[in-house]
């Protein structure tokens, strides 16, 4: 077990001022949530905004609304390698997960497989995921989906604050979601956001959200405690401590389709005060670290000059599986924050694996065995980048 300076794999630091703002929001009740919704509508120029208890709750709500509009469809297309919260939300909404293989170079869909997946008339929605904040080709998926009557759901859970060709991520699909959880592009400890410009879909989502309870005293106390802990323990000089406590399961990926659906609490809404300036500063800091790693010689995915992404972790592939294991072990010993992220593909999730022929997703399998992510959060220094590159170089050949 390492004791000493340890980089968190991802972080969106909270300040004492933000926590005090969250506490102040408990007094006027819904005012903070209404203020946050209004700011989001203005910033993203969309008429319909909804605040939920988590990103996966936001996705489940979207799917429940789509299911009401299209009761004869019951499948959702998802990348075969993605955050486990995505298939969990599909199951939570009572629908079937339809995985599609990915392109190892972009972590987006393998476009040669999407057309086949669209066929059959059972597909309700197709999820376009900006994994780790890397922009996905939402427009291409929309063009392919249009002929099949499939709604494109922009999974921007890890990408809030990014832009593609001057357009804000979160406005590219038919409907979008963000996550406000720990380590995301912007964090209010927990929470989720839904955006849509569609009046029909907005009305359907409003019907689902309208009957959900708002997070209450129990959730507020839990989130206040969590925020105070994050204020200190996410810092590199202290992060080794929660990382060493096994019961916290930091970095562990869990598939859970039994989560609650609630609306965002007042405390989290209060934490969001000043979010526009904060998310712009976080994006600039993270992108600076990404570019420094690329300049040093780290071979990651290509980032278009037309994009200004908010990358929360920088993904790379280590060609040799054994070398990847040694890289992760050395990073653990040195406290460099290199992470293995999701342990396997969607079709291999134990709760789902009996439904698929696992040989049908070779590229996703390749990525799952070789991917690691490098930290680019605000705690990463130029000295850290040098040490990360030197370690990367040892195991990348």
Protein backbone atom coordinates (compact mmCIF):
# COMPACT_ATOMS: atom_id res chain seq x y z
CA UNK A 1 0.00 0.00 0.00
CA UNK A 2 1.38 3.39 -0.98
CA UNK A 3 1.47 6.16 1.65
CA UNK A 4 2.27 9.54 0.15
CA UNK A 5 1.40 11.81 -2.74
CA UNK A 6 -1.00 10.00 -5.06
CA UNK A 7 -2.74 11.49 -8.10
CA UNK A 8 -6.48 10.83 -8.44
CA UNK A 9 -7.29 9.33 -11.89
CA UNK A 10 -9.91 12.06 -12.38
CA UNK A 11 -11.01 15.04 -10.32
CA UNK A 12 -13.20 18.13 -10.44
CA UNK A 13 -12.15 19.81 -7.17
CA UNK A 14 -14.68 21.42 -4.84
CA UNK A 15 -13.96 24.58 -2.88
CA UNK A 16 -15.14 25.64 0.57
CA UNK A 17 -16.97 28.55 -1.09
CA UNK A 18 -18.94 26.10 -3.25
CA UNK A 19 -19.85 23.98 -0.24
CA UNK A 20 -21.08 27.05 1.61
CA UNK A 21 -23.14 27.93 -1.47
CA UNK A 22 -24.62 24.44 -1.37
CA UNK A 23 -25.53 24.80 2.29
CA UNK A 24 -27.12 28.20 1.66
CA UNK A 25 -29.28 26.65 -1.06
CA UNK A 26 -31.00 24.45 1.54
CA UNK A 27 -32.87 27.45 2.95
CA UNK A 28 -34.83 28.75 -0.08
CA UNK A 29 -35.60 25.22 -1.30
CA UNK A 30 -36.29 25.01 -5.03
CA UNK A 31 -34.71 28.39 -5.86
CA UNK A 32 -31.24 26.95 -6.49
CA UNK A 33 -32.63 24.24 -8.79
CA UNK A 34 -34.66 26.79 -10.73
CA UNK A 35 -31.62 29.04 -11.07
CA UNK A 36 -29.45 26.14 -12.32
CA UNK A 37 -32.09 25.06 -14.84
CA UNK A 38 -32.45 28.60 -16.16
CA UNK A 39 -28.68 28.97 -16.57
CA UNK A 40 -28.47 25.68 -18.43
CA UNK A 41 -31.32 26.65 -20.79
CA UNK A 42 -29.60 29.92 -21.60
CA UNK A 43 -26.09 28.44 -21.97
CA UNK A 44 -27.15 25.54 -24.19
CA UNK A 45 -30.02 27.39 -25.89
CA UNK A 46 -32.48 24.54 -25.41
CA UNK A 47 -36.06 24.85 -24.13
CA UNK A 48 -36.13 21.71 -21.99
CA UNK A 49 -33.78 21.04 -19.05
CA UNK A 50 -34.24 18.53 -16.25
CA UNK A 51 -32.12 17.90 -13.15
CA UNK A 52 -31.81 14.33 -11.86
CA UNK A 53 -30.05 12.53 -9.02
CA UNK A 54 -27.39 10.97 -11.27
CA UNK A 55 -26.28 10.59 -14.88
CA UNK A 56 -27.62 7.05 -15.08
CA UNK A 57 -30.94 8.24 -13.65
CA UNK A 58 -31.00 10.86 -16.42
CA UNK A 59 -30.45 8.18 -19.09
CA UNK A 60 -33.10 5.90 -17.56
CA UNK A 61 -35.61 8.77 -17.54
CA UNK A 62 -34.88 9.54 -21.21
CA UNK A 63 -35.45 5.89 -22.10
CA UNK A 64 -38.68 5.66 -20.09
CA UNK A 65 -39.99 8.71 -21.95
CA UNK A 66 -38.97 7.27 -25.33
CA UNK A 67 -40.64 3.99 -24.42
CA UNK A 68 -43.92 5.83 -23.81
CA UNK A 69 -43.65 7.49 -27.23
CA UNK A 70 -42.65 4.26 -29.03
CA UNK A 71 -44.11 1.30 -27.08
CA UNK A 72 -43.47 -1.16 -29.92
CA UNK A 73 -39.66 -0.76 -29.69
CA UNK A 74 -37.57 -2.26 -26.90
CA UNK A 75 -33.85 -2.18 -27.80
CA UNK A 76 -31.15 0.42 -27.23
CA UNK A 77 -27.90 0.52 -29.20
CA UNK A 78 -24.80 1.09 -27.03
CA UNK A 79 -21.05 0.85 -27.66
CA UNK A 80 -19.76 -2.60 -26.69
CA UNK A 81 -17.11 -0.89 -24.54
CA UNK A 82 -18.47 1.89 -22.38
CA UNK A 83 -19.28 2.87 -18.80
CA UNK A 84 -21.38 0.18 -17.09
CA UNK A 85 -23.91 2.83 -16.07
CA UNK A 86 -25.12 2.96 -19.68
CA UNK A 87 -26.34 -0.66 -19.95
CA UNK A 88 -27.52 -0.47 -16.31
CA UNK A 89 -29.81 2.45 -17.22
CA UNK A 90 -31.16 0.51 -20.21
CA UNK A 91 -32.06 -2.44 -17.97
CA UNK A 92 -33.48 -0.08 -15.33
CA UNK A 93 -35.85 1.29 -17.98
CA UNK A 94 -37.06 -2.22 -18.80
CA UNK A 95 -35.37 -2.36 -22.21
CA UNK A 96 -32.83 -4.59 -23.96
CA UNK A 97 -29.18 -3.73 -24.49
CA UNK A 98 -27.99 -4.01 -28.11
CA UNK A 99 -24.16 -3.73 -28.11
CA UNK A 100 -22.25 -2.68 -31.22
CA UNK A 101 -18.52 -3.07 -31.73
CA UNK A 102 -16.24 -0.03 -31.57
CA UNK A 103 -13.26 1.43 -33.41
CA UNK A 104 -10.12 1.07 -31.24
CA UNK A 105 -8.64 4.25 -32.74
CA UNK A 106 -11.52 6.51 -31.76
CA UNK A 107 -13.45 4.52 -29.09
CA UNK A 108 -16.54 5.50 -31.10
CA UNK A 109 -18.70 3.01 -33.02
CA UNK A 110 -17.29 0.69 -35.66
CA UNK A 111 -19.36 2.30 -38.40
CA UNK A 112 -19.29 -0.82 -40.56
CA UNK A 113 -21.43 -2.52 -37.90
CA UNK A 114 -23.94 0.22 -37.11
CA UNK A 115 -26.14 -0.22 -40.19
CA UNK A 116 -26.67 -3.89 -39.38
CA UNK A 117 -27.52 -3.02 -35.77
CA UNK A 118 -30.08 -0.43 -36.89
CA UNK A 119 -32.05 -2.97 -38.92
CA UNK A 120 -35.02 -4.91 -37.59
CA UNK A 121 -37.33 -2.15 -36.38
CA UNK A 122 -36.85 -2.92 -32.66
CA UNK A 123 -34.36 -0.16 -31.93
CA UNK A 124 -35.75 2.62 -29.74
CA UNK A 125 -32.62 4.69 -29.30
CA UNK A 126 -28.92 4.77 -30.14
CA UNK A 127 -26.46 6.06 -27.55
CA UNK A 128 -23.56 8.18 -28.83
CA UNK A 129 -20.94 8.30 -26.07
CA UNK A 130 -18.23 10.92 -25.67
CA UNK A 131 -16.09 8.45 -23.71
CA UNK A 132 -13.70 10.16 -21.27
CA UNK A 133 -14.71 13.43 -22.96
CA UNK A 134 -13.43 12.46 -26.43
CA UNK A 135 -15.99 13.78 -28.95
CA UNK A 136 -18.02 11.08 -30.70
CA UNK A 137 -19.36 11.51 -34.24
CA UNK A 138 -22.94 12.27 -33.24
CA UNK A 139 -23.85 13.72 -36.62
CA UNK A 140 -22.87 10.52 -38.43
CA UNK A 141 -24.99 8.44 -36.07
CA UNK A 142 -27.93 10.82 -36.56
CA UNK A 143 -27.70 10.44 -40.32
CA UNK A 144 -27.73 6.66 -40.02
CA UNK A 145 -30.53 6.66 -37.46
CA UNK A 146 -32.80 9.01 -39.39
CA UNK A 147 -33.88 6.37 -41.87
CA UNK A 148 -34.84 3.96 -39.12
CA UNK A 149 -36.82 6.28 -36.84
CA UNK A 150 -34.23 5.86 -34.08
CA UNK A 151 -33.64 8.61 -31.50
CA UNK A 152 -29.98 9.52 -30.94
CA UNK A 153 -29.15 9.96 -27.26
CA UNK A 154 -25.98 11.95 -26.71
CA UNK A 155 -24.20 10.47 -23.72
CA UNK A 156 -22.15 13.46 -22.63
CA UNK A 157 -21.88 12.21 -19.05
CA UNK A 158 -18.10 12.65 -19.17
CA UNK A 159 -17.91 15.56 -21.61
CA UNK A 160 -19.77 18.58 -20.23
CA UNK A 161 -18.13 21.82 -21.36
CA UNK A 162 -16.69 20.45 -24.59
CA UNK A 163 -17.34 21.76 -28.10
CA UNK A 164 -17.25 20.32 -31.62
CA UNK A 165 -17.01 22.69 -34.58
CA UNK A 166 -18.20 25.58 -32.43
CA UNK A 167 -21.26 23.64 -31.20
CA UNK A 168 -21.57 22.69 -27.56
CA UNK A 169 -21.45 19.00 -26.69
CA UNK A 170 -24.90 18.21 -25.34
CA UNK A 171 -26.69 19.90 -28.25
CA UNK A 172 -25.63 17.51 -31.03
CA UNK A 173 -28.08 14.65 -30.49
CA UNK A 174 -31.87 14.51 -30.27
CA UNK A 175 -31.53 14.48 -26.48
CA UNK A 176 -28.48 14.58 -24.21
CA UNK A 177 -27.39 13.86 -20.68
CA UNK A 178 -24.56 14.95 -18.39
CA UNK A 179 -23.31 13.46 -15.14
CA UNK A 180 -22.30 15.63 -12.20
CA UNK A 181 -20.70 12.82 -10.22
CA UNK A 182 -17.26 12.76 -8.63
CA UNK A 183 -14.46 13.03 -11.19
CA UNK A 184 -16.68 14.12 -14.06
CA UNK A 185 -16.12 17.23 -16.20
CA UNK A 186 -18.08 19.22 -13.59
CA UNK A 187 -19.02 17.78 -10.21
CA UNK A 188 -21.69 18.60 -7.65
CA UNK A 189 -20.87 15.35 -5.78
CA UNK A 190 -23.74 13.63 -7.61
CA UNK A 191 -26.40 14.54 -10.12
CA UNK A 192 -27.47 14.38 -13.74
CA UNK A 193 -28.81 16.73 -16.40
CA UNK A 194 -31.09 16.15 -19.41
CA UNK A 195 -31.22 18.57 -22.35
CA UNK A 196 -33.45 18.44 -25.42
CA UNK A 197 -34.72 20.81 -28.06
CA UNK A 198 -37.63 18.51 -28.94
CA UNK A 199 -40.98 19.65 -27.58
CA UNK A 200 -42.48 16.18 -27.99
CA UNK A 201 -39.67 14.49 -26.13
CA UNK A 202 -39.43 17.31 -23.60
CA UNK A 203 -43.10 16.88 -22.74
CA UNK A 204 -42.68 13.11 -22.37
CA UNK A 205 -39.63 13.55 -20.12
CA UNK A 206 -41.48 16.14 -18.04
CA UNK A 207 -44.22 13.55 -17.47
CA UNK A 208 -41.70 11.03 -16.13
CA UNK A 209 -39.76 13.56 -14.04
CA UNK A 210 -42.92 15.14 -12.63
CA UNK A 211 -43.76 12.12 -10.49
CA UNK A 212 -40.23 11.63 -9.13
CA UNK A 213 -39.37 12.77 -5.60
CA UNK A 214 -36.69 15.39 -4.95
CA UNK A 215 -33.71 14.15 -2.97
CA UNK A 216 -34.45 14.89 0.68
CA UNK A 217 -32.72 15.30 4.04
CA UNK A 218 -31.04 11.90 4.02
CA UNK A 219 -29.48 12.47 0.59
CA UNK A 220 -28.54 16.04 1.49
CA UNK A 221 -26.69 14.93 4.64
CA UNK A 222 -24.92 12.20 2.70
CA UNK A 223 -23.86 14.59 -0.04
CA UNK A 224 -22.72 17.25 2.41
CA UNK A 225 -20.52 14.67 4.14
CA UNK A 226 -19.18 13.49 0.81
CA UNK A 227 -18.46 17.06 -0.33
CA UNK A 228 -16.52 17.83 2.86
CA UNK A 229 -14.51 14.64 2.41
CA UNK A 230 -13.77 15.46 -1.24
CA UNK A 231 -12.68 18.97 -0.27
CA UNK A 232 -9.63 17.42 1.39
CA UNK A 233 -9.20 13.79 0.38
CA UNK A 234 -9.16 14.23 -3.41
CA UNK A 235 -5.95 16.26 -3.09
CA UNK A 236 -2.81 14.28 -4.01
CA UNK A 237 -1.26 14.61 -0.54
CA UNK A 238 -4.28 12.90 0.99
CA UNK A 239 -5.78 10.78 -1.82
CA UNK A 240 -3.70 7.75 -0.77
CA UNK A 241 -5.86 7.47 2.36
CA UNK A 242 -9.32 6.81 0.81
CA UNK A 243 -7.59 4.76 -1.90
CA UNK A 244 -6.17 2.48 0.80
CA UNK A 245 -9.59 1.84 2.39
CA UNK A 246 -10.91 -1.20 0.56
CA UNK A 247 -14.53 -0.73 1.66
CA UNK A 248 -14.73 2.52 -0.35
CA UNK A 249 -14.07 0.56 -3.58
CA UNK A 250 -12.48 3.55 -5.31
CA UNK A 251 -12.01 2.85 -9.00
CA UNK A 252 -14.11 -0.31 -8.90
CA UNK A 253 -16.69 -0.70 -11.68
CA UNK A 254 -20.03 -2.08 -10.51
CA UNK A 255 -23.06 -2.97 -12.63
CA UNK A 256 -26.17 -1.90 -10.72
CA UNK A 257 -29.56 -1.66 -12.42
CA UNK A 258 -31.54 -1.18 -9.20
CA UNK A 259 -30.72 2.49 -8.59
CA UNK A 260 -33.35 5.03 -7.57
CA UNK A 261 -34.75 7.71 -9.84
CA UNK A 262 -35.00 11.08 -8.11
CA UNK A 263 -34.69 14.75 -8.90
CA UNK A 264 -31.55 16.66 -7.97
CA UNK A 265 -31.35 17.90 -4.38
CA UNK A 266 -31.04 21.51 -3.29
CA UNK A 267 -27.51 21.08 -1.90
CA UNK A 268 -26.11 19.86 -5.23
CA UNK A 269 -27.91 22.64 -7.09
CA UNK A 270 -26.28 25.13 -4.74
CA UNK A 271 -22.84 23.62 -5.40
CA UNK A 272 -23.31 24.47 -9.08
CA UNK A 273 -23.17 28.22 -8.48
CA UNK A 274 -20.62 29.72 -10.91
CA UNK A 275 -20.43 26.52 -12.96
CA UNK A 276 -19.91 28.25 -16.33
CA UNK A 277 -16.63 29.84 -15.31
CA UNK A 278 -15.48 26.75 -13.46
CA UNK A 279 -16.09 24.33 -16.30
CA UNK A 280 -14.29 26.60 -18.78
CA UNK A 281 -11.26 26.78 -16.47
CA UNK A 282 -11.28 23.01 -15.92
CA UNK A 283 -11.43 22.37 -19.67
CA UNK A 284 -8.48 24.65 -20.33
CA UNK A 285 -6.41 23.02 -17.58
CA UNK A 286 -7.18 19.47 -18.68
CA UNK A 287 -6.59 20.20 -22.36
CA UNK A 288 -3.24 21.78 -21.51
CA UNK A 289 -2.18 18.55 -19.79
CA UNK A 290 -3.42 16.46 -22.71
CA UNK A 291 -1.45 18.53 -25.21
CA UNK A 292 1.65 18.36 -23.00
CA UNK A 293 1.43 14.56 -22.99
CA UNK A 294 0.98 14.43 -26.76
CA UNK A 295 3.93 16.79 -27.24
CA UNK A 296 6.04 14.58 -24.97
CA UNK A 297 5.28 11.60 -27.21
CA UNK A 298 2.29 9.84 -25.71
CA UNK A 299 0.27 8.18 -28.50
CA UNK A 300 -3.39 8.69 -27.74
CA UNK A 301 -6.45 9.15 -29.93
CA UNK A 302 -6.33 11.90 -32.53
CA UNK A 303 -8.12 15.08 -31.47
CA UNK A 304 -9.50 17.19 -34.31
CA UNK A 305 -8.50 20.84 -34.56
CA UNK A 306 -12.23 21.59 -34.78
CA UNK A 307 -12.80 20.25 -31.26
CA UNK A 308 -12.32 21.81 -27.84
CA UNK A 309 -12.98 18.74 -25.70
CA UNK A 310 -13.18 18.57 -21.91
CA UNK A 311 -11.24 15.34 -21.48
CA UNK A 312 -11.47 13.96 -17.93
CA UNK A 313 -8.98 11.10 -18.54
CA UNK A 314 -6.61 10.62 -21.47
CA UNK A 315 -7.00 7.08 -22.90
CA UNK A 316 -4.17 5.12 -24.49
CA UNK A 317 -3.80 1.51 -25.63
CA UNK A 318 -0.87 -0.64 -24.46
CA UNK A 319 -0.33 -3.27 -27.16
CA UNK A 320 1.10 -5.92 -24.85
CA UNK A 321 -1.42 -7.11 -22.24
CA UNK A 322 1.28 -8.19 -19.77
CA UNK A 323 3.06 -4.86 -20.17
CA UNK A 324 -0.20 -3.11 -19.37
CA UNK A 325 -0.44 -5.00 -16.09
CA UNK A 326 3.11 -4.01 -15.16
CA UNK A 327 2.43 -0.40 -16.11
CA UNK A 328 -0.60 -0.28 -13.83
CA UNK A 329 1.32 -1.89 -10.97
CA UNK A 330 4.20 0.59 -11.26
CA UNK A 331 1.77 3.50 -11.43
CA UNK A 332 0.16 2.25 -8.24
CA UNK A 333 3.51 2.10 -6.48
CA UNK A 334 4.50 5.57 -7.71
CA UNK A 335 1.11 7.22 -7.16
CA UNK A 336 0.80 8.41 -10.77
CA UNK A 337 -2.96 7.90 -11.16
CA UNK A 338 -2.91 5.71 -14.27
CA UNK A 339 -6.16 3.76 -14.31
CA UNK A 340 -7.51 0.55 -15.88
CA UNK A 341 -11.11 1.94 -16.08
CA UNK A 342 -13.85 -0.56 -17.10
CA UNK A 343 -12.81 -4.20 -16.62
CA UNK A 344 -14.53 -5.68 -19.66
CA UNK A 345 -16.97 -5.23 -22.49
CA UNK A 346 -20.72 -4.77 -22.11
CA UNK A 347 -21.47 -8.29 -23.44
CA UNK A 348 -19.18 -9.74 -20.73
CA UNK A 349 -20.92 -8.05 -17.80
CA UNK A 350 -21.93 -11.07 -15.66
CA UNK A 351 -25.57 -10.00 -15.50
CA UNK A 352 -25.72 -9.70 -19.31
CA UNK A 353 -23.19 -12.15 -20.76
CA UNK A 354 -25.65 -15.01 -21.33
CA UNK A 355 -27.47 -12.86 -23.89
CA UNK A 356 -24.62 -12.45 -26.39
CA UNK A 357 -22.09 -14.34 -28.43
CA UNK A 358 -18.94 -12.70 -27.06
CA UNK A 359 -16.97 -13.43 -30.24
CA UNK A 360 -19.01 -10.80 -32.10
CA UNK A 361 -17.21 -7.82 -30.52
CA UNK A 362 -13.48 -8.33 -31.23
CA UNK A 363 -12.49 -4.65 -31.26
CA UNK A 364 -14.20 -3.95 -27.94
CA UNK A 365 -12.45 -7.00 -26.47
CA UNK A 366 -9.12 -5.72 -27.80
CA UNK A 367 -9.65 -2.31 -26.17
CA UNK A 368 -10.86 -3.73 -22.84
CA UNK A 369 -7.64 -5.75 -22.46
CA UNK A 370 -5.28 -2.92 -23.41
CA UNK A 371 -6.74 0.44 -22.42
CA UNK A 372 -5.46 2.62 -19.61
CA UNK A 373 -6.18 6.26 -18.88
CA UNK A 374 -3.71 8.94 -17.84
CA UNK A 375 -4.72 11.65 -15.35
CA UNK A 376 -5.13 15.18 -16.71
CA UNK A 377 -6.97 16.76 -13.78
CA UNK A 378 -5.99 20.10 -12.19
CA UNK A 379 -3.68 18.39 -9.67
CA UNK A 380 -1.36 17.07 -12.42
CA UNK A 381 1.87 19.08 -12.60
CA UNK A 382 4.47 19.33 -15.36
CA UNK A 383 6.71 17.13 -13.22
CA UNK A 384 3.92 14.54 -13.03
CA UNK A 385 3.55 14.59 -16.81
CA UNK A 386 7.27 13.94 -17.23
CA UNK A 387 7.13 10.98 -14.82
CA UNK A 388 3.97 9.59 -16.46
CA UNK A 389 5.59 9.81 -19.90
CA UNK A 390 8.77 8.11 -18.71
CA UNK A 391 6.73 5.24 -17.26
CA UNK A 392 4.55 5.06 -20.38
CA UNK A 393 7.63 4.84 -22.60
CA UNK A 394 8.92 1.80 -20.67
CA UNK A 395 5.81 -0.24 -21.48
CA UNK A 396 4.52 1.17 -24.76
CA UNK A 397 6.90 -0.53 -27.20
